[in-house]
Amino acid sequence: MSSAQPLYARLKDHVMNRIRAGDWKAGRRVPSENELVQRFGVSRMTANRALRELTADGYLDRVPGVGTFVRARAQQSSLIELRNIADEIAARGGKHAARMVVKEKTPTTPALARQFELSKPSKLDHVVLVHEENGVPVQIEDRYVNPAVAPDFLRQNFTKITPTAFLLAAVPVEELEHSVSAIQPSREQRRLLKMQDGEPCLALHRRSWSGGRVVTSVTLIYPGRRSALYSRYRTSANGTLSH
């Protein structure tokens, strides 16, 4: 490392050398701006520029209010299968935690009645949770459930068992519907996911049926820069799904 380099470039080299050497692995928190200022005797502006450029180059991920982390490959979640997010995180070697935001019974609006194929007014169970991986928010789960199909849903402690895990155990799934869209998150969604202004999200919309009735309608919202949705399945020679 040449002393003729600008200070911010020397800081970038220091961080990159630790990453390349394997000292700082994916998901590890790197020193904050204040810590870099104290350790290297540089200005806060210099430390900020080094971290900002490493983030723009794709080596770091800065989560407001949480810290700066060595960026891992985009966290993948299944698009087609019903997968428990706690299991997905554990399979990556991470630690899952969930934070409850909303847990309520709510009247069925006309839009919800159409989603649940209901002809009579009723109430639905509604939960909103934030799922975290190693302390970093990775998904908002906004779920409605038909209590006539899953009557014990709201009695569960969803910081101990995920809604998906409970529903898979309680109600057999016969049919699934998926759609994906790119969205600009609301201010509240950005706050919950600790995202910067202007960052997009991926939204996976899913409904499931059992016994000819809609069990649940859920929207799963992922920070676009930290997430990827995937699927893999067998096809026939002409590219259609195999059965």
C-alpha atoms as a PDB file:
ATOM      1  CA  MET A   1       0.000   0.000   0.000  1.00  0.00           C
ATOM      2  CA  SER A   2       1.602   3.219  -1.187  1.00  0.00           C
ATOM      3  CA  SER A   3       1.735   6.183   1.193  1.00  0.00           C
ATOM      4  CA  ALA A   4       1.247   8.352  -1.912  1.00  0.00           C
ATOM      5  CA  GLN A   5      -2.327   7.111  -2.161  1.00  0.00           C
ATOM      6  CA  PRO A   6      -5.107   9.383  -0.951  1.00  0.00           C
ATOM      7  CA  LEU A   7      -6.173   8.536   2.591  1.00  0.00           C
ATOM      8  CA  TYR A   8      -9.620   7.309   1.543  1.00  0.00           C
ATOM      9  CA  ALA A   9      -8.004   4.925  -0.977  1.00  0.00           C
ATOM     10  CA  ARG A  10      -5.672   3.569   1.702  1.00  0.00           C
ATOM     11  CA  LEU A  11      -8.664   2.923   3.942  1.00  0.00           C
ATOM     12  CA  LYS A  12     -10.421   1.120   1.089  1.00  0.00           C
ATOM     13  CA  ASP A  13      -7.334  -1.042   0.553  1.00  0.00           C
ATOM     14  CA  HIS A  14      -7.218  -1.883   4.256  1.00  0.00           C
ATOM     15  CA  VAL A  15     -10.841  -3.058   4.252  1.00  0.00           C
ATOM     16  CA  MET A  16     -10.476  -4.973   0.977  1.00  0.00           C
ATOM     17  CA  ASN A  17      -7.294  -6.701   2.179  1.00  0.00           C
ATOM     18  CA  ARG A  18      -9.101  -7.957   5.276  1.00  0.00           C
ATOM     19  CA  ILE A  19     -11.998  -9.220   3.141  1.00  0.00           C
ATOM     20  CA  ARG A  20      -9.736 -10.919   0.586  1.00  0.00           C
ATOM     21  CA  ALA A  21      -7.672 -12.548   3.329  1.00  0.00           C
ATOM     22  CA  GLY A  22     -10.846 -14.026   4.790  1.00  0.00           C
ATOM     23  CA  ASP A  23     -10.436 -12.157   8.074  1.00  0.00           C
ATOM     24  CA  TRP A  24     -13.732 -10.362   7.506  1.00  0.00           C
ATOM     25  CA  LYS A  25     -16.274 -12.836   6.169  1.00  0.00           C
ATOM     26  CA  ALA A  26     -19.674 -12.171   4.603  1.00  0.00           C
ATOM     27  CA  GLY A  27     -22.075 -10.686   7.121  1.00  0.00           C
ATOM     28  CA  ARG A  28     -19.342  -9.411   9.449  1.00  0.00           C
ATOM     29  CA  ARG A  29     -19.757  -5.898  10.758  1.00  0.00           C
ATOM     30  CA  VAL A  30     -16.858  -3.663   9.685  1.00  0.00           C
ATOM     31  CA  PRO A  31     -15.563  -0.716  11.717  1.00  0.00           C
ATOM     32  CA  SER A  32     -17.849   2.315  11.750  1.00  0.00           C
ATOM     33  CA  GLU A  33     -16.842   5.755  10.505  1.00  0.00           C
ATOM     34  CA  ASN A  34     -16.091   6.801  14.090  1.00  0.00           C
ATOM     35  CA  GLU A  35     -13.981   3.697  14.678  1.00  0.00           C
ATOM     36  CA  LEU A  36     -12.009   4.312  11.476  1.00  0.00           C
ATOM     37  CA  VAL A  37     -11.461   7.945  12.480  1.00  0.00           C
ATOM     38  CA  GLN A  38     -10.083   6.901  15.880  1.00  0.00           C
ATOM     39  CA  ARG A  39      -7.997   4.002  14.561  1.00  0.00           C
ATOM     40  CA  PHE A  40      -6.382   5.732  11.589  1.00  0.00           C
ATOM     41  CA  GLY A  41      -6.505   9.389  12.592  1.00  0.00           C
ATOM     42  CA  VAL A  42      -8.382  10.429   9.452  1.00  0.00           C
ATOM     43  CA  SER A  43     -11.292  12.820   9.088  1.00  0.00           C
ATOM     44  CA  ARG A  44     -14.879  11.617   9.226  1.00  0.00           C
ATOM     45  CA  MET A  45     -15.300  12.747   5.610  1.00  0.00           C
ATOM     46  CA  THR A  46     -12.426  10.467   4.576  1.00  0.00           C
ATOM     47  CA  ALA A  47     -13.861   7.491   6.456  1.00  0.00           C
ATOM     48  CA  ASN A  48     -17.300   8.147   4.994  1.00  0.00           C
ATOM     49  CA  ARG A  49     -15.957   8.270   1.443  1.00  0.00           C
ATOM     50  CA  ALA A  50     -14.082   4.974   1.852  1.00  0.00           C
ATOM     51  CA  LEU A  51     -17.149   3.134   3.160  1.00  0.00           C
ATOM     52  CA  ARG A  52     -19.472   4.818   0.672  1.00  0.00           C
ATOM     53  CA  GLU A  53     -17.324   3.831  -2.326  1.00  0.00           C
ATOM     54  CA  LEU A  54     -16.888   0.245  -1.093  1.00  0.00           C
ATOM     55  CA  THR A  55     -20.667   0.034  -0.758  1.00  0.00           C
ATOM     56  CA  ALA A  56     -21.170   1.407  -4.278  1.00  0.00           C
ATOM     57  CA  ASP A  57     -18.584  -1.113  -5.565  1.00  0.00           C
ATOM     58  CA  GLY A  58     -20.634  -3.950  -4.072  1.00  0.00           C
ATOM     59  CA  TYR A  59     -18.267  -5.027  -1.280  1.00  0.00           C
ATOM     60  CA  LEU A  60     -20.189  -3.632   1.697  1.00  0.00           C
ATOM     61  CA  ASP A  61     -23.812  -3.231   2.708  1.00  0.00           C
ATOM     62  CA  ARG A  62     -24.689  -0.248   4.920  1.00  0.00           C
ATOM     63  CA  VAL A  63     -27.827  -0.689   7.031  1.00  0.00           C
ATOM     64  CA  PRO A  64     -28.936   2.621   8.611  1.00  0.00           C
ATOM     65  CA  GLY A  65     -29.068   2.426  12.376  1.00  0.00           C
ATOM     66  CA  VAL A  66     -27.436  -1.017  12.428  1.00  0.00           C
ATOM     67  CA  GLY A  67     -23.981  -0.786  10.847  1.00  0.00           C
ATOM     68  CA  THR A  68     -21.884  -1.639   7.805  1.00  0.00           C
ATOM     69  CA  PHE A  69     -21.384  -5.275   6.857  1.00  0.00           C
ATOM     70  CA  VAL A  70     -19.328  -7.294   4.391  1.00  0.00           C
ATOM     71  CA  ARG A  71     -21.804  -7.992   1.635  1.00  0.00           C
ATOM     72  CA  ALA A  72     -22.767 -11.580   1.027  1.00  0.00           C
ATOM     73  CA  ARG A  73     -24.263 -12.948  -2.139  1.00  0.00           C
ATOM     74  CA  ALA A  74     -27.870 -11.764  -2.393  1.00  0.00           C
ATOM     75  CA  GLN A  75     -29.968 -13.712   0.106  1.00  0.00           C
ATOM     76  CA  GLN A  76     -32.060 -16.161  -1.882  1.00  0.00           C
ATOM     77  CA  SER A  77     -35.647 -17.067  -1.065  1.00  0.00           C
ATOM     78  CA  SER A  78     -37.744 -19.646  -2.846  1.00  0.00           C
ATOM     79  CA  LEU A  79     -40.189 -18.287  -5.415  1.00  0.00           C
ATOM     80  CA  ILE A  80     -42.228 -21.435  -6.076  1.00  0.00           C
ATOM     81  CA  GLU A  81     -41.972 -23.573  -2.948  1.00  0.00           C
ATOM     82  CA  LEU A  82     -43.512 -22.799   0.414  1.00  0.00           C
ATOM     83  CA  ARG A  83     -40.339 -22.430   2.453  1.00  0.00           C
ATOM     84  CA  ASN A  84     -40.027 -21.408   6.080  1.00  0.00           C
ATOM     85  CA  ILE A  85     -37.768 -18.341   6.211  1.00  0.00           C
ATOM     86  CA  ALA A  86     -36.263 -19.543   9.501  1.00  0.00           C
ATOM     87  CA  ASP A  87     -35.135 -22.726   7.728  1.00  0.00           C
ATOM     88  CA  GLU A  88     -33.729 -20.748   4.776  1.00  0.00           C
ATOM     89  CA  ILE A  89     -31.691 -18.570   7.123  1.00  0.00           C
ATOM     90  CA  ALA A  90     -30.463 -21.562   9.132  1.00  0.00           C
ATOM     91  CA  ALA A  91     -29.392 -23.282   5.905  1.00  0.00           C
ATOM     92  CA  ARG A  92     -27.182 -20.263   5.162  1.00  0.00           C
ATOM     93  CA  GLY A  93     -25.628 -20.518   8.635  1.00  0.00           C
ATOM     94  CA  GLY A  94     -27.483 -17.463   9.931  1.00  0.00           C
ATOM     95  CA  LYS A  95     -29.580 -16.756  12.995  1.00  0.00           C
ATOM     96  CA  HIS A  96     -33.269 -15.974  12.505  1.00  0.00           C
ATOM     97  CA  ALA A  97     -35.331 -13.656  14.674  1.00  0.00           C
ATOM     98  CA  ALA A  98     -38.818 -12.220  14.177  1.00  0.00           C
ATOM     99  CA  ARG A  99     -40.370  -9.026  15.485  1.00  0.00           C
ATOM    100  CA  MET A 100     -44.157  -8.649  15.688  1.00  0.00           C
ATOM    101  CA  VAL A 101     -45.540  -5.371  14.309  1.00  0.00           C
ATOM    102  CA  VAL A 102     -49.278  -6.112  13.933  1.00  0.00           C
ATOM    103  CA  LYS A 103     -51.442  -8.947  15.308  1.00  0.00           C
ATOM    104  CA  GLU A 104     -55.184  -8.426  14.969  1.00  0.00           C
ATOM    105  CA  LYS A 105     -58.562  -9.436  13.647  1.00  0.00           C
ATOM    106  CA  THR A 106     -59.634  -7.144  10.843  1.00  0.00           C
ATOM    107  CA  PRO A 107     -62.879  -6.632   8.890  1.00  0.00           C
ATOM    108  CA  THR A 108     -62.921  -8.010   5.366  1.00  0.00           C
ATOM    109  CA  THR A 109     -62.694  -5.189   2.841  1.00  0.00           C
ATOM    110  CA  PRO A 110     -64.107  -5.728  -0.675  1.00  0.00           C
ATOM    111  CA  ALA A 111     -60.551  -6.274  -1.969  1.00  0.00           C
ATOM    112  CA  LEU A 112     -59.837  -8.879   0.704  1.00  0.00           C
ATOM    113  CA  ALA A 113     -63.194 -10.560   0.091  1.00  0.00           C
ATOM    114  CA  ARG A 114     -62.185 -11.007  -3.573  1.00  0.00           C
ATOM    115  CA  GLN A 115     -58.776 -12.380  -2.567  1.00  0.00           C
ATOM    116  CA  PHE A 116     -60.367 -14.890  -0.202  1.00  0.00           C
ATOM    117  CA  GLU A 117     -63.317 -15.631  -2.527  1.00  0.00           C
ATOM    118  CA  LEU A 118     -65.793 -14.776   0.238  1.00  0.00           C
ATOM    119  CA  SER A 119     -69.422 -13.933  -0.480  1.00  0.00           C
ATOM    120  CA  LYS A 120     -70.402 -12.940   3.080  1.00  0.00           C
ATOM    121  CA  PRO A 121     -68.872 -10.294   5.382  1.00  0.00           C
ATOM    122  CA  SER A 122     -66.476 -11.754   7.934  1.00  0.00           C
ATOM    123  CA  LYS A 123     -63.252 -11.021   9.762  1.00  0.00           C
ATOM    124  CA  LEU A 124     -59.753 -12.171   8.906  1.00  0.00           C
ATOM    125  CA  ASP A 125     -56.675 -12.713  11.028  1.00  0.00           C
ATOM    126  CA  HIS A 126     -53.873 -10.294  10.167  1.00  0.00           C
ATOM    127  CA  VAL A 127     -50.208 -10.221  11.165  1.00  0.00           C
ATOM    128  CA  VAL A 128     -47.228  -8.135  10.106  1.00  0.00           C
ATOM    129  CA  LEU A 129     -43.767  -9.332  11.119  1.00  0.00           C
ATOM    130  CA  VAL A 130     -40.203  -8.304  10.371  1.00  0.00           C
ATOM    131  CA  HIS A 131     -37.830 -11.227   9.894  1.00  0.00           C
ATOM    132  CA  GLU A 132     -34.147 -10.646  10.649  1.00  0.00           C
ATOM    133  CA  GLU A 133     -30.995 -12.522   9.736  1.00  0.00           C
ATOM    134  CA  ASN A 134     -28.123 -11.967  12.147  1.00  0.00           C
ATOM    135  CA  GLY A 135     -29.859  -8.814  13.367  1.00  0.00           C
ATOM    136  CA  VAL A 136     -30.401  -7.347   9.875  1.00  0.00           C
ATOM    137  CA  PRO A 137     -34.020  -7.033   8.586  1.00  0.00           C
ATOM    138  CA  VAL A 138     -34.474  -9.155   5.455  1.00  0.00           C
ATOM    139  CA  GLN A 139     -38.249  -9.502   5.030  1.00  0.00           C
ATOM    140  CA  ILE A 140     -41.576  -7.939   5.976  1.00  0.00           C
ATOM    141  CA  GLU A 141     -44.358 -10.530   6.130  1.00  0.00           C
ATOM    142  CA  ASP A 142     -47.842  -9.009   5.745  1.00  0.00           C
ATOM    143  CA  ARG A 143     -50.252 -11.930   6.054  1.00  0.00           C
ATOM    144  CA  TYR A 144     -54.040 -12.414   6.161  1.00  0.00           C
ATOM    145  CA  VAL A 145     -55.506 -15.781   7.195  1.00  0.00           C
ATOM    146  CA  ASN A 146     -59.040 -17.173   7.034  1.00  0.00           C
ATOM    147  CA  PRO A 147     -59.832 -18.190  10.649  1.00  0.00           C
ATOM    148  CA  ALA A 148     -62.517 -20.594   9.438  1.00  0.00           C
ATOM    149  CA  VAL A 149     -59.719 -22.700   7.941  1.00  0.00           C
ATOM    150  CA  ALA A 150     -56.956 -22.074  10.526  1.00  0.00           C
ATOM    151  CA  PRO A 151     -58.807 -21.143  13.737  1.00  0.00           C
ATOM    152  CA  ASP A 152     -55.757 -21.229  16.032  1.00  0.00           C
ATOM    153  CA  PHE A 153     -53.621 -18.895  13.961  1.00  0.00           C
ATOM    154  CA  LEU A 154     -53.669 -15.804  16.193  1.00  0.00           C
ATOM    155  CA  ARG A 155     -53.045 -17.895  19.320  1.00  0.00           C
ATOM    156  CA  GLN A 156     -49.489 -18.631  18.171  1.00  0.00           C
ATOM    157  CA  ASN A 157     -46.337 -16.859  19.341  1.00  0.00           C
ATOM    158  CA  PHE A 158     -44.796 -15.883  16.026  1.00  0.00           C
ATOM    159  CA  THR A 159     -41.477 -14.939  17.577  1.00  0.00           C
ATOM    160  CA  LYS A 160     -41.124 -18.674  18.363  1.00  0.00           C
ATOM    161  CA  ILE A 161     -42.743 -20.260  15.300  1.00  0.00           C
ATOM    162  CA  THR A 162     -43.114 -18.623  11.903  1.00  0.00           C
ATOM    163  CA  PRO A 163     -46.596 -18.274  10.356  1.00  0.00           C
ATOM    164  CA  THR A 164     -45.461 -20.463   7.454  1.00  0.00           C
ATOM    165  CA  ALA A 165     -44.293 -23.252   9.762  1.00  0.00           C
ATOM    166  CA  PHE A 166     -47.557 -23.169  11.710  1.00  0.00           C
ATOM    167  CA  LEU A 167     -49.783 -23.159   8.623  1.00  0.00           C
ATOM    168  CA  LEU A 168     -47.858 -25.968   6.930  1.00  0.00           C
ATOM    169  CA  ALA A 169     -48.337 -28.106  10.042  1.00  0.00           C
ATOM    170  CA  ALA A 170     -51.984 -27.165  10.583  1.00  0.00           C
ATOM    171  CA  VAL A 171     -53.519 -27.041   7.088  1.00  0.00           C
ATOM    172  CA  PRO A 172     -52.679 -29.215   4.047  1.00  0.00           C
ATOM    173  CA  VAL A 173     -51.807 -27.080   1.010  1.00  0.00           C
ATOM    174  CA  GLU A 174     -53.488 -28.098  -2.251  1.00  0.00           C
ATOM    175  CA  GLU A 175     -52.868 -25.111  -4.537  1.00  0.00           C
ATOM    176  CA  LEU A 176     -50.530 -22.111  -4.658  1.00  0.00           C
ATOM    177  CA  GLU A 177     -50.546 -18.824  -6.590  1.00  0.00           C
ATOM    178  CA  HIS A 178     -47.496 -16.554  -6.875  1.00  0.00           C
ATOM    179  CA  SER A 179     -46.726 -13.195  -8.416  1.00  0.00           C
ATOM    180  CA  VAL A 180     -43.693 -10.929  -8.060  1.00  0.00           C
ATOM    181  CA  SER A 181     -43.411  -7.185  -8.518  1.00  0.00           C
ATOM    182  CA  ALA A 182     -40.835  -4.469  -7.974  1.00  0.00           C
ATOM    183  CA  ILE A 183     -42.123  -1.738  -5.681  1.00  0.00           C
ATOM    184  CA  GLN A 184     -41.040   1.473  -4.046  1.00  0.00           C
ATOM    185  CA  PRO A 185     -41.546   0.809  -0.331  1.00  0.00           C
ATOM    186  CA  SER A 186     -43.571   3.105   1.875  1.00  0.00           C
ATOM    187  CA  ARG A 187     -41.849   5.214   4.511  1.00  0.00           C
ATOM    188  CA  GLU A 188     -42.905   2.694   7.176  1.00  0.00           C
ATOM    189  CA  GLN A 189     -41.603  -0.237   5.146  1.00  0.00           C
ATOM    190  CA  ARG A 190     -38.263   1.530   4.635  1.00  0.00           C
ATOM    191  CA  ARG A 191     -38.089   2.139   8.381  1.00  0.00           C
ATOM    192  CA  LEU A 192     -38.815  -1.493   9.230  1.00  0.00           C
ATOM    193  CA  LEU A 193     -36.260  -2.772   6.719  1.00  0.00           C
ATOM    194  CA  LYS A 194     -33.722  -0.039   7.576  1.00  0.00           C
ATOM    195  CA  MET A 195     -33.382   1.015   3.931  1.00  0.00           C
ATOM    196  CA  GLN A 196     -32.134   4.205   2.335  1.00  0.00           C
ATOM    197  CA  ASP A 197     -34.521   6.488   0.461  1.00  0.00           C
ATOM    198  CA  GLY A 198     -34.920   5.493  -3.174  1.00  0.00           C
ATOM    199  CA  GLU A 199     -34.039   1.812  -2.721  1.00  0.00           C
ATOM    200  CA  PRO A 200     -36.535  -0.545  -4.385  1.00  0.00           C
ATOM    201  CA  CYS A 201     -38.062  -3.691  -2.941  1.00  0.00           C
ATOM    202  CA  LEU A 202     -39.166  -7.045  -4.315  1.00  0.00           C
ATOM    203  CA  ALA A 203     -42.711  -8.035  -3.351  1.00  0.00           C
ATOM    204  CA  LEU A 204     -43.781 -11.673  -3.547  1.00  0.00           C
ATOM    205  CA  HIS A 205     -47.577 -12.057  -3.428  1.00  0.00           C
ATOM    206  CA  ARG A 206     -48.820 -15.537  -2.549  1.00  0.00           C
ATOM    207  CA  ARG A 207     -52.169 -17.239  -1.938  1.00  0.00           C
ATOM    208  CA  SER A 208     -52.760 -20.841  -0.864  1.00  0.00           C
ATOM    209  CA  TRP A 209     -55.865 -23.043  -0.984  1.00  0.00           C
ATOM    210  CA  SER A 210     -56.992 -26.045   1.058  1.00  0.00           C
ATOM    211  CA  GLY A 211     -60.259 -27.912   0.595  1.00  0.00           C
ATOM    212  CA  GLY A 212     -61.249 -25.449  -2.122  1.00  0.00           C
ATOM    213  CA  ARG A 213     -60.947 -22.446   0.224  1.00  0.00           C
ATOM    214  CA  VAL A 214     -58.309 -19.718   0.347  1.00  0.00           C
ATOM    215  CA  VAL A 215     -56.274 -20.237   3.519  1.00  0.00           C
ATOM    216  CA  THR A 216     -53.963 -17.255   3.385  1.00  0.00           C
ATOM    217  CA  SER A 217     -52.948 -14.261   1.303  1.00  0.00           C
ATOM    218  CA  VAL A 218     -49.515 -12.900   2.072  1.00  0.00           C
ATOM    219  CA  THR A 219     -47.165 -10.268   0.710  1.00  0.00           C
ATOM    220  CA  LEU A 220     -43.481 -10.807   1.451  1.00  0.00           C
ATOM    221  CA  ILE A 221     -41.382  -7.664   0.971  1.00  0.00           C
ATOM    222  CA  TYR A 222     -37.620  -7.920   0.508  1.00  0.00           C
ATOM    223  CA  PRO A 223     -34.948  -5.185   0.235  1.00  0.00           C
ATOM    224  CA  GLY A 224     -34.031  -5.320  -3.447  1.00  0.00           C
ATOM    225  CA  ARG A 225     -30.263  -4.940  -2.972  1.00  0.00           C
ATOM    226  CA  ARG A 226     -30.056  -7.652  -0.333  1.00  0.00           C
ATOM    227  CA  SER A 227     -32.358 -10.269  -1.839  1.00  0.00           C
ATOM    228  CA  ALA A 228     -33.053 -12.552  -4.768  1.00  0.00           C
ATOM    229  CA  LEU A 229     -36.006 -14.837  -5.534  1.00  0.00           C
ATOM    230  CA  TYR A 230     -35.313 -18.122  -7.265  1.00  0.00           C
ATOM    231  CA  SER A 231     -36.932 -21.314  -8.471  1.00  0.00           C
ATOM    232  CA  ARG A 232     -35.719 -24.592  -9.938  1.00  0.00           C
ATOM    233  CA  TYR A 233     -37.922 -27.331 -11.381  1.00  0.00           C
ATOM    234  CA  ARG A 234     -37.908 -30.078 -13.994  1.00  0.00           C
ATOM    235  CA  THR A 235     -39.304 -29.441 -17.451  1.00  0.00           C
ATOM    236  CA  SER A 236     -40.148 -31.472 -20.514  1.00  0.00           C
ATOM    237  CA  ALA A 237     -37.986 -31.157 -23.620  1.00  0.00           C
ATOM    238  CA  ASN A 238     -40.087 -28.261 -24.932  1.00  0.00           C
ATOM    239  CA  GLY A 239     -39.716 -26.296 -21.699  1.00  0.00           C
ATOM    240  CA  THR A 240     -43.114 -26.980 -20.131  1.00  0.00           C
ATOM    241  CA  LEU A 241     -43.420 -28.117 -16.521  1.00  0.00           C
ATOM    242  CA  SER A 242     -43.025 -31.836 -15.873  1.00  0.00           C
ATOM    243  CA  HIS A 243     -45.641 -33.549 -13.713  1.00  0.00           C
END
